[in-house]
C-alpha atoms as a PDB file:
ATOM      1  CA  UNK A   1      17.635   6.092 -13.093  1.00  0.00           C
ATOM      2  CA  UNK A   2      19.354   8.086 -10.297  1.00  0.00           C
ATOM      3  CA  UNK A   3      18.756   6.949  -6.751  1.00  0.00           C
ATOM      4  CA  UNK A   4      17.367   9.732  -4.700  1.00  0.00           C
ATOM      5  CA  UNK A   5      17.696  10.333  -1.019  1.00  0.00           C
ATOM      6  CA  UNK A   6      14.342   9.769   0.594  1.00  0.00           C
ATOM      7  CA  UNK A   7      12.850  13.154   1.822  1.00  0.00           C
ATOM      8  CA  UNK A   8       9.698  11.821   3.397  1.00  0.00           C
ATOM      9  CA  UNK A   9       7.087   9.136   2.935  1.00  0.00           C
ATOM     10  CA  UNK A  10       5.068  11.395   0.604  1.00  0.00           C
ATOM     11  CA  UNK A  11       6.124  12.238  -3.075  1.00  0.00           C
ATOM     12  CA  UNK A  12       5.209  15.631  -4.055  1.00  0.00           C
ATOM     13  CA  UNK A  13       4.294  16.845  -7.607  1.00  0.00           C
ATOM     14  CA  UNK A  14       7.580  18.614  -7.794  1.00  0.00           C
ATOM     15  CA  UNK A  15       9.440  15.401  -7.012  1.00  0.00           C
ATOM     16  CA  UNK A  16       7.486  13.603  -9.682  1.00  0.00           C
ATOM     17  CA  UNK A  17       8.474  16.389 -12.114  1.00  0.00           C
ATOM     18  CA  UNK A  18      12.159  15.859 -11.172  1.00  0.00           C
ATOM     19  CA  UNK A  19      11.881  12.125 -11.727  1.00  0.00           C
ATOM     20  CA  UNK A  20      10.288  12.403 -15.126  1.00  0.00           C
ATOM     21  CA  UNK A  21      12.695  15.127 -16.204  1.00  0.00           C
ATOM     22  CA  UNK A  22      15.694  12.903 -15.183  1.00  0.00           C
ATOM     23  CA  UNK A  23      14.232   9.977 -17.051  1.00  0.00           C
ATOM     24  CA  UNK A  24      13.306  11.700 -20.250  1.00  0.00           C
ATOM     25  CA  UNK A  25      15.801  14.519 -20.670  1.00  0.00           C
ATOM     26  CA  UNK A  26      13.024  17.095 -20.890  1.00  0.00           C
ATOM     27  CA  UNK A  27      13.230  20.245 -19.018  1.00  0.00           C
ATOM     28  CA  UNK A  28      11.459  20.577 -15.723  1.00  0.00           C
ATOM     29  CA  UNK A  29       9.298  23.263 -17.200  1.00  0.00           C
ATOM     30  CA  UNK A  30       8.178  21.024 -20.013  1.00  0.00           C
ATOM     31  CA  UNK A  31       7.505  18.102 -17.725  1.00  0.00           C
ATOM     32  CA  UNK A  32       5.640  20.350 -15.257  1.00  0.00           C
ATOM     33  CA  UNK A  33       3.388  21.425 -18.075  1.00  0.00           C
ATOM     34  CA  UNK A  34       2.704  17.759 -19.127  1.00  0.00           C
ATOM     35  CA  UNK A  35       2.067  16.626 -15.489  1.00  0.00           C
ATOM     36  CA  UNK A  36      -0.301  19.613 -14.964  1.00  0.00           C
ATOM     37  CA  UNK A  37      -2.145  18.840 -18.245  1.00  0.00           C
ATOM     38  CA  UNK A  38      -2.457  15.138 -17.407  1.00  0.00           C
ATOM     39  CA  UNK A  39      -3.793  15.897 -13.893  1.00  0.00           C
ATOM     40  CA  UNK A  40      -6.216  18.510 -15.241  1.00  0.00           C
ATOM     41  CA  UNK A  41      -7.381  15.998 -17.941  1.00  0.00           C
ATOM     42  CA  UNK A  42      -8.172  13.418 -15.249  1.00  0.00           C
ATOM     43  CA  UNK A  43     -10.077  16.056 -13.118  1.00  0.00           C
ATOM     44  CA  UNK A  44     -12.017  17.338 -16.149  1.00  0.00           C
ATOM     45  CA  UNK A  45     -13.026  13.837 -17.303  1.00  0.00           C
ATOM     46  CA  UNK A  46     -14.108  12.970 -13.842  1.00  0.00           C
ATOM     47  CA  UNK A  47     -16.082  16.127 -13.443  1.00  0.00           C
ATOM     48  CA  UNK A  48     -18.033  15.050 -16.509  1.00  0.00           C
ATOM     49  CA  UNK A  49     -18.597  11.636 -14.711  1.00  0.00           C
ATOM     50  CA  UNK A  50     -16.313   9.832 -17.240  1.00  0.00           C
ATOM     51  CA  UNK A  51     -14.342   6.734 -16.411  1.00  0.00           C
ATOM     52  CA  UNK A  52     -10.530   6.820 -17.108  1.00  0.00           C
ATOM     53  CA  UNK A  53      -8.848   3.579 -17.769  1.00  0.00           C
ATOM     54  CA  UNK A  54      -5.059   3.509 -18.061  1.00  0.00           C
ATOM     55  CA  UNK A  55      -4.123  -0.136 -18.956  1.00  0.00           C
ATOM     56  CA  UNK A  56      -1.577  -1.611 -16.735  1.00  0.00           C
ATOM     57  CA  UNK A  57      -2.064   1.156 -14.131  1.00  0.00           C
ATOM     58  CA  UNK A  58      -5.686   1.370 -13.040  1.00  0.00           C
ATOM     59  CA  UNK A  59      -9.088   2.900 -13.357  1.00  0.00           C
ATOM     60  CA  UNK A  60     -10.305   6.366 -12.109  1.00  0.00           C
ATOM     61  CA  UNK A  61     -13.987   6.346 -11.521  1.00  0.00           C
ATOM     62  CA  UNK A  62     -16.789   8.362  -9.795  1.00  0.00           C
ATOM     63  CA  UNK A  63     -18.785   6.726  -6.996  1.00  0.00           C
ATOM     64  CA  UNK A  64     -22.144   8.256  -5.866  1.00  0.00           C
ATOM     65  CA  UNK A  65     -22.452   8.402  -2.018  1.00  0.00           C
ATOM     66  CA  UNK A  66     -25.976   8.473  -0.590  1.00  0.00           C
ATOM     67  CA  UNK A  67     -27.086  11.179   1.879  1.00  0.00           C
ATOM     68  CA  UNK A  68     -26.836   9.830   5.359  1.00  0.00           C
ATOM     69  CA  UNK A  69     -26.941  10.776   9.088  1.00  0.00           C
ATOM     70  CA  UNK A  70     -23.562  10.766  10.743  1.00  0.00           C
ATOM     71  CA  UNK A  71     -22.362  11.565  14.238  1.00  0.00           C
ATOM     72  CA  UNK A  72     -19.853  14.134  15.312  1.00  0.00           C
ATOM     73  CA  UNK A  73     -17.317  12.012  17.429  1.00  0.00           C
ATOM     74  CA  UNK A  74     -16.378  14.966  19.575  1.00  0.00           C
ATOM     75  CA  UNK A  75     -19.916  16.117  20.644  1.00  0.00           C
ATOM     76  CA  UNK A  76     -22.036  13.173  19.776  1.00  0.00           C
ATOM     77  CA  UNK A  77     -24.357  15.352  17.887  1.00  0.00           C
ATOM     78  CA  UNK A  78     -26.036  13.932  14.724  1.00  0.00           C
ATOM     79  CA  UNK A  79     -25.199  15.563  11.469  1.00  0.00           C
ATOM     80  CA  UNK A  80     -27.026  15.266   8.130  1.00  0.00           C
ATOM     81  CA  UNK A  81     -24.565  14.801   5.209  1.00  0.00           C
ATOM     82  CA  UNK A  82     -25.785  15.437   1.688  1.00  0.00           C
ATOM     83  CA  UNK A  83     -25.333  13.028  -1.109  1.00  0.00           C
ATOM     84  CA  UNK A  84     -22.113  13.467  -3.043  1.00  0.00           C
ATOM     85  CA  UNK A  85     -19.811  12.049  -5.725  1.00  0.00           C
ATOM     86  CA  UNK A  86     -16.391  10.982  -4.761  1.00  0.00           C
ATOM     87  CA  UNK A  87     -13.477  10.115  -7.038  1.00  0.00           C
ATOM     88  CA  UNK A  88     -12.136   6.634  -6.573  1.00  0.00           C
ATOM     89  CA  UNK A  89      -9.062   4.817  -7.927  1.00  0.00           C
ATOM     90  CA  UNK A  90      -8.787   1.014  -8.477  1.00  0.00           C
ATOM     91  CA  UNK A  91      -5.243  -0.209  -9.366  1.00  0.00           C
ATOM     92  CA  UNK A  92      -4.880  -2.843 -12.017  1.00  0.00           C
ATOM     93  CA  UNK A  93      -3.630  -6.342 -11.074  1.00  0.00           C
ATOM     94  CA  UNK A  94      -0.473  -5.735 -12.958  1.00  0.00           C
ATOM     95  CA  UNK A  95       0.215  -2.543 -11.023  1.00  0.00           C
ATOM     96  CA  UNK A  96      -0.527  -4.327  -7.746  1.00  0.00           C
ATOM     97  CA  UNK A  97       1.749  -7.167  -8.486  1.00  0.00           C
ATOM     98  CA  UNK A  98       4.653  -4.912  -9.617  1.00  0.00           C
ATOM     99  CA  UNK A  99       4.390  -2.726  -6.445  1.00  0.00           C
ATOM    100  CA  UNK A 100       4.120  -5.751  -4.204  1.00  0.00           C
ATOM    101  CA  UNK A 101       7.201  -7.427  -5.814  1.00  0.00           C
ATOM    102  CA  UNK A 102       9.238  -4.200  -5.761  1.00  0.00           C
ATOM    103  CA  UNK A 103       8.509  -3.610  -2.091  1.00  0.00           C
ATOM    104  CA  UNK A 104       9.295  -7.328  -1.206  1.00  0.00           C
ATOM    105  CA  UNK A 105      12.591  -7.159  -3.198  1.00  0.00           C
ATOM    106  CA  UNK A 106      13.685  -3.986  -1.500  1.00  0.00           C
ATOM    107  CA  UNK A 107      12.743  -5.336   1.953  1.00  0.00           C
ATOM    108  CA  UNK A 108      14.945  -8.459   1.380  1.00  0.00           C
ATOM    109  CA  UNK A 109      17.882  -6.248   0.189  1.00  0.00           C
ATOM    110  CA  UNK A 110      17.544  -4.102   3.297  1.00  0.00           C
ATOM    111  CA  UNK A 111      17.898  -7.044   5.628  1.00  0.00           C
END
């Protein structure tokens, strides 16, 4: 895998496409179609209130948020917020351990 110069702290969809294209040998156009299809599949499933479990990665789920009274911090006025559904992601333990280990390893190498 080629080492990339860090552009910013955020990784964009375009950068993900570049990474996958480099690793697979597929064209960027093919990878972009797969990435778009994958993300749209997650959105569609979650819109149907379906849980998505990717073993070794994590779980995408929908959480119901109750209606509540909030306060505008700038004016102090109260605001009624409707109930809503919010997408949530919980990383798997394997994923958490891998990310933690990789970050710690890179921190030690940088010192």
